[in-house]
């Protein structure tokens, strides 16, 4: 009976303590590290406590503001480099990524994408992958991540 009471109190108090801690964490909406993206209607990264939620990235060469050519492998590599640049701006690297959401324009590109992806995300973060039509700039891939600092 005593153990059941302790367990019940723990199950009630621990989630309340976690929620209170999250309420005290400020939300920081970071401006882009790229001058050309300063006026975008979204943040490249939003910080909550030690979590960073990054906006989706595509295989765009940000110096020319054009999608790179070369197909899914080239776009995947550039997409990951763009993610790495945002993480680096906030003092992190790809090893700090705990979750990836990958959107492909077609699942036919899955194997080729995975070849490139697995070279960069060696820690194997949790991942969701699906296909959708109509990605920004007619991209073949978009990836968003959550990282822990």
C-alpha atoms as a PDB file:
ATOM      1  CA  UNK A   1       0.000   0.000   0.000  1.00  0.00           C
ATOM      2  CA  UNK A   2       2.795   2.421   0.951  1.00  0.00           C
ATOM      3  CA  UNK A   3       4.696   1.637  -2.290  1.00  0.00           C
ATOM      4  CA  UNK A   4       1.524   2.214  -4.312  1.00  0.00           C
ATOM      5  CA  UNK A   5       1.027   5.590  -2.667  1.00  0.00           C
ATOM      6  CA  UNK A   6       4.636   6.616  -3.360  1.00  0.00           C
ATOM      7  CA  UNK A   7       4.281   5.493  -6.974  1.00  0.00           C
ATOM      8  CA  UNK A   8       1.026   7.425  -7.387  1.00  0.00           C
ATOM      9  CA  UNK A   9       2.532  10.602  -5.923  1.00  0.00           C
ATOM     10  CA  UNK A  10       5.589  10.228  -8.165  1.00  0.00           C
ATOM     11  CA  UNK A  11       3.438   9.734 -11.257  1.00  0.00           C
ATOM     12  CA  UNK A  12       1.578  12.932 -10.435  1.00  0.00           C
ATOM     13  CA  UNK A  13       4.427  15.177  -9.261  1.00  0.00           C
ATOM     14  CA  UNK A  14       7.137  14.335 -11.816  1.00  0.00           C
ATOM     15  CA  UNK A  15       5.101  15.387 -14.887  1.00  0.00           C
ATOM     16  CA  UNK A  16       4.029  18.565 -13.071  1.00  0.00           C
ATOM     17  CA  UNK A  17       7.679  19.377 -12.311  1.00  0.00           C
ATOM     18  CA  UNK A  18       8.655  18.763 -15.945  1.00  0.00           C
ATOM     19  CA  UNK A  19       5.855  21.022 -17.192  1.00  0.00           C
ATOM     20  CA  UNK A  20       6.861  23.771 -14.760  1.00  0.00           C
ATOM     21  CA  UNK A  21      10.471  23.573 -15.940  1.00  0.00           C
ATOM     22  CA  UNK A  22       9.352  23.866 -19.567  1.00  0.00           C
ATOM     23  CA  UNK A  23       7.146  26.856 -18.769  1.00  0.00           C
ATOM     24  CA  UNK A  24      10.200  28.684 -17.441  1.00  0.00           C
ATOM     25  CA  UNK A  25      12.280  28.017 -20.564  1.00  0.00           C
ATOM     26  CA  UNK A  26      12.228  31.093 -22.770  1.00  0.00           C
ATOM     27  CA  UNK A  27      11.365  30.747 -26.441  1.00  0.00           C
ATOM     28  CA  UNK A  28      14.091  32.268 -28.586  1.00  0.00           C
ATOM     29  CA  UNK A  29      13.278  32.829 -32.245  1.00  0.00           C
ATOM     30  CA  UNK A  30      16.705  33.175 -33.863  1.00  0.00           C
ATOM     31  CA  UNK A  31      17.205  35.358 -36.901  1.00  0.00           C
ATOM     32  CA  UNK A  32      18.886  33.660 -39.831  1.00  0.00           C
ATOM     33  CA  UNK A  33      22.662  33.744 -40.024  1.00  0.00           C
ATOM     34  CA  UNK A  34      22.241  34.537 -43.722  1.00  0.00           C
ATOM     35  CA  UNK A  35      21.575  38.173 -44.512  1.00  0.00           C
ATOM     36  CA  UNK A  36      19.373  37.345 -47.520  1.00  0.00           C
ATOM     37  CA  UNK A  37      17.030  35.332 -45.281  1.00  0.00           C
ATOM     38  CA  UNK A  38      16.615  37.990 -42.584  1.00  0.00           C
ATOM     39  CA  UNK A  39      13.223  39.032 -43.943  1.00  0.00           C
ATOM     40  CA  UNK A  40      11.859  35.473 -44.269  1.00  0.00           C
ATOM     41  CA  UNK A  41       8.535  34.901 -42.458  1.00  0.00           C
ATOM     42  CA  UNK A  42      10.061  32.145 -40.302  1.00  0.00           C
ATOM     43  CA  UNK A  43      13.068  31.510 -38.059  1.00  0.00           C
ATOM     44  CA  UNK A  44      15.927  29.253 -39.123  1.00  0.00           C
ATOM     45  CA  UNK A  45      15.995  27.969 -35.552  1.00  0.00           C
ATOM     46  CA  UNK A  46      13.807  28.232 -32.471  1.00  0.00           C
ATOM     47  CA  UNK A  47      15.446  27.507 -29.131  1.00  0.00           C
ATOM     48  CA  UNK A  48      13.536  26.118 -26.151  1.00  0.00           C
ATOM     49  CA  UNK A  49      15.770  25.189 -23.237  1.00  0.00           C
ATOM     50  CA  UNK A  50      18.504  23.032 -24.761  1.00  0.00           C
ATOM     51  CA  UNK A  51      16.412  22.034 -27.794  1.00  0.00           C
ATOM     52  CA  UNK A  52      16.804  23.640 -31.210  1.00  0.00           C
ATOM     53  CA  UNK A  53      14.050  23.200 -33.791  1.00  0.00           C
ATOM     54  CA  UNK A  54      15.431  23.984 -37.240  1.00  0.00           C
ATOM     55  CA  UNK A  55      13.333  25.034 -40.202  1.00  0.00           C
ATOM     56  CA  UNK A  56      13.380  22.698 -43.177  1.00  0.00           C
ATOM     57  CA  UNK A  57      16.305  23.047 -45.542  1.00  0.00           C
ATOM     58  CA  UNK A  58      16.487  22.211 -49.229  1.00  0.00           C
ATOM     59  CA  UNK A  59      19.473  21.778 -51.546  1.00  0.00           C
ATOM     60  CA  UNK A  60      19.784  25.482 -52.250  1.00  0.00           C
ATOM     61  CA  UNK A  61      23.118  27.176 -52.785  1.00  0.00           C
ATOM     62  CA  UNK A  62      22.545  30.175 -50.555  1.00  0.00           C
ATOM     63  CA  UNK A  63      25.253  32.233 -52.254  1.00  0.00           C
ATOM     64  CA  UNK A  64      23.300  32.174 -55.537  1.00  0.00           C
ATOM     65  CA  UNK A  65      19.821  31.473 -54.071  1.00  0.00           C
ATOM     66  CA  UNK A  66      19.350  28.674 -56.620  1.00  0.00           C
ATOM     67  CA  UNK A  67      18.706  24.977 -56.244  1.00  0.00           C
ATOM     68  CA  UNK A  68      21.851  23.040 -57.085  1.00  0.00           C
ATOM     69  CA  UNK A  69      21.842  20.660 -60.022  1.00  0.00           C
ATOM     70  CA  UNK A  70      22.878  17.022 -59.999  1.00  0.00           C
ATOM     71  CA  UNK A  71      19.824  15.158 -58.771  1.00  0.00           C
ATOM     72  CA  UNK A  72      18.832  13.693 -55.437  1.00  0.00           C
ATOM     73  CA  UNK A  73      22.351  12.887 -54.219  1.00  0.00           C
ATOM     74  CA  UNK A  74      23.667  16.391 -54.866  1.00  0.00           C
ATOM     75  CA  UNK A  75      20.564  17.986 -53.358  1.00  0.00           C
ATOM     76  CA  UNK A  76      20.762  15.748 -50.295  1.00  0.00           C
ATOM     77  CA  UNK A  77      24.396  16.667 -49.710  1.00  0.00           C
ATOM     78  CA  UNK A  78      23.690  20.396 -50.078  1.00  0.00           C
ATOM     79  CA  UNK A  79      20.628  20.125 -47.830  1.00  0.00           C
ATOM     80  CA  UNK A  80      22.720  18.527 -45.097  1.00  0.00           C
ATOM     81  CA  UNK A  81      25.457  21.144 -45.534  1.00  0.00           C
ATOM     82  CA  UNK A  82      22.788  23.842 -45.085  1.00  0.00           C
ATOM     83  CA  UNK A  83      21.599  22.155 -41.873  1.00  0.00           C
ATOM     84  CA  UNK A  84      25.203  21.895 -40.658  1.00  0.00           C
ATOM     85  CA  UNK A  85      25.697  25.638 -41.296  1.00  0.00           C
ATOM     86  CA  UNK A  86      22.692  26.544 -39.121  1.00  0.00           C
ATOM     87  CA  UNK A  87      23.842  24.165 -36.384  1.00  0.00           C
ATOM     88  CA  UNK A  88      27.395  25.553 -36.530  1.00  0.00           C
ATOM     89  CA  UNK A  89      26.019  29.083 -36.163  1.00  0.00           C
ATOM     90  CA  UNK A  90      24.531  27.931 -32.842  1.00  0.00           C
ATOM     91  CA  UNK A  91      27.627  26.055 -31.663  1.00  0.00           C
ATOM     92  CA  UNK A  92      26.570  22.538 -32.658  1.00  0.00           C
ATOM     93  CA  UNK A  93      27.233  19.932 -35.315  1.00  0.00           C
ATOM     94  CA  UNK A  94      25.308  17.082 -36.921  1.00  0.00           C
ATOM     95  CA  UNK A  95      26.101  14.759 -34.000  1.00  0.00           C
ATOM     96  CA  UNK A  96      23.711  16.849 -31.849  1.00  0.00           C
ATOM     97  CA  UNK A  97      20.726  16.030 -34.098  1.00  0.00           C
ATOM     98  CA  UNK A  98      18.229  13.734 -32.380  1.00  0.00           C
ATOM     99  CA  UNK A  99      15.342  13.804 -34.901  1.00  0.00           C
ATOM    100  CA  UNK A 100      15.101  14.269 -38.667  1.00  0.00           C
ATOM    101  CA  UNK A 101      12.004  14.667 -40.755  1.00  0.00           C
ATOM    102  CA  UNK A 102      12.762  13.988 -44.405  1.00  0.00           C
ATOM    103  CA  UNK A 103      10.420  14.883 -47.236  1.00  0.00           C
ATOM    104  CA  UNK A 104      11.234  13.473 -50.662  1.00  0.00           C
ATOM    105  CA  UNK A 105       9.474  14.476 -53.855  1.00  0.00           C
ATOM    106  CA  UNK A 106       9.255  10.761 -54.677  1.00  0.00           C
ATOM    107  CA  UNK A 107      10.000   7.590 -52.734  1.00  0.00           C
ATOM    108  CA  UNK A 108      11.829   6.383 -55.854  1.00  0.00           C
ATOM    109  CA  UNK A 109      14.765   8.488 -54.570  1.00  0.00           C
ATOM    110  CA  UNK A 110      14.843   6.806 -51.148  1.00  0.00           C
ATOM    111  CA  UNK A 111      17.836   4.512 -51.714  1.00  0.00           C
ATOM    112  CA  UNK A 112      19.988   7.206 -53.332  1.00  0.00           C
ATOM    113  CA  UNK A 113      19.064   9.712 -50.604  1.00  0.00           C
ATOM    114  CA  UNK A 114      19.867   7.161 -47.891  1.00  0.00           C
ATOM    115  CA  UNK A 115      23.360   6.581 -49.338  1.00  0.00           C
ATOM    116  CA  UNK A 116      24.253  10.225 -48.803  1.00  0.00           C
ATOM    117  CA  UNK A 117      22.307  10.689 -45.553  1.00  0.00           C
ATOM    118  CA  UNK A 118      24.021   7.756 -43.821  1.00  0.00           C
ATOM    119  CA  UNK A 119      27.459   9.290 -44.481  1.00  0.00           C
ATOM    120  CA  UNK A 120      26.563  12.427 -42.503  1.00  0.00           C
ATOM    121  CA  UNK A 121      24.205  11.216 -39.765  1.00  0.00           C
ATOM    122  CA  UNK A 122      26.433   8.516 -38.300  1.00  0.00           C
ATOM    123  CA  UNK A 123      24.804   8.697 -34.835  1.00  0.00           C
ATOM    124  CA  UNK A 124      21.523   7.541 -36.440  1.00  0.00           C
ATOM    125  CA  UNK A 125      19.000  10.063 -35.094  1.00  0.00           C
ATOM    126  CA  UNK A 126      15.318   9.137 -35.051  1.00  0.00           C
ATOM    127  CA  UNK A 127      13.860   9.754 -38.496  1.00  0.00           C
ATOM    128  CA  UNK A 128      10.598  10.018 -40.359  1.00  0.00           C
ATOM    129  CA  UNK A 129      10.661   9.915 -44.156  1.00  0.00           C
ATOM    130  CA  UNK A 130       7.781  10.437 -46.552  1.00  0.00           C
ATOM    131  CA  UNK A 131       7.095  11.760 -50.037  1.00  0.00           C
ATOM    132  CA  UNK A 132       5.103  14.843 -50.974  1.00  0.00           C
ATOM    133  CA  UNK A 133       4.727  16.812 -54.157  1.00  0.00           C
ATOM    134  CA  UNK A 134       5.296  20.515 -54.448  1.00  0.00           C
ATOM    135  CA  UNK A 135       8.424  21.114 -52.347  1.00  0.00           C
ATOM    136  CA  UNK A 136       9.798  24.670 -52.326  1.00  0.00           C
ATOM    137  CA  UNK A 137      11.794  25.641 -55.433  1.00  0.00           C
ATOM    138  CA  UNK A 138      10.796  22.303 -57.004  1.00  0.00           C
ATOM    139  CA  UNK A 139      13.340  20.584 -54.729  1.00  0.00           C
ATOM    140  CA  UNK A 140      13.705  16.814 -54.594  1.00  0.00           C
ATOM    141  CA  UNK A 141      14.263  16.837 -50.814  1.00  0.00           C
ATOM    142  CA  UNK A 142      13.646  18.869 -47.672  1.00  0.00           C
ATOM    143  CA  UNK A 143      14.955  17.974 -44.226  1.00  0.00           C
ATOM    144  CA  UNK A 144      14.106  19.516 -40.865  1.00  0.00           C
ATOM    145  CA  UNK A 145      15.837  18.556 -37.634  1.00  0.00           C
ATOM    146  CA  UNK A 146      15.672  18.839 -33.873  1.00  0.00           C
ATOM    147  CA  UNK A 147      19.027  19.128 -32.100  1.00  0.00           C
ATOM    148  CA  UNK A 148      20.095  19.158 -28.456  1.00  0.00           C
ATOM    149  CA  UNK A 149      22.752  21.606 -27.295  1.00  0.00           C
END
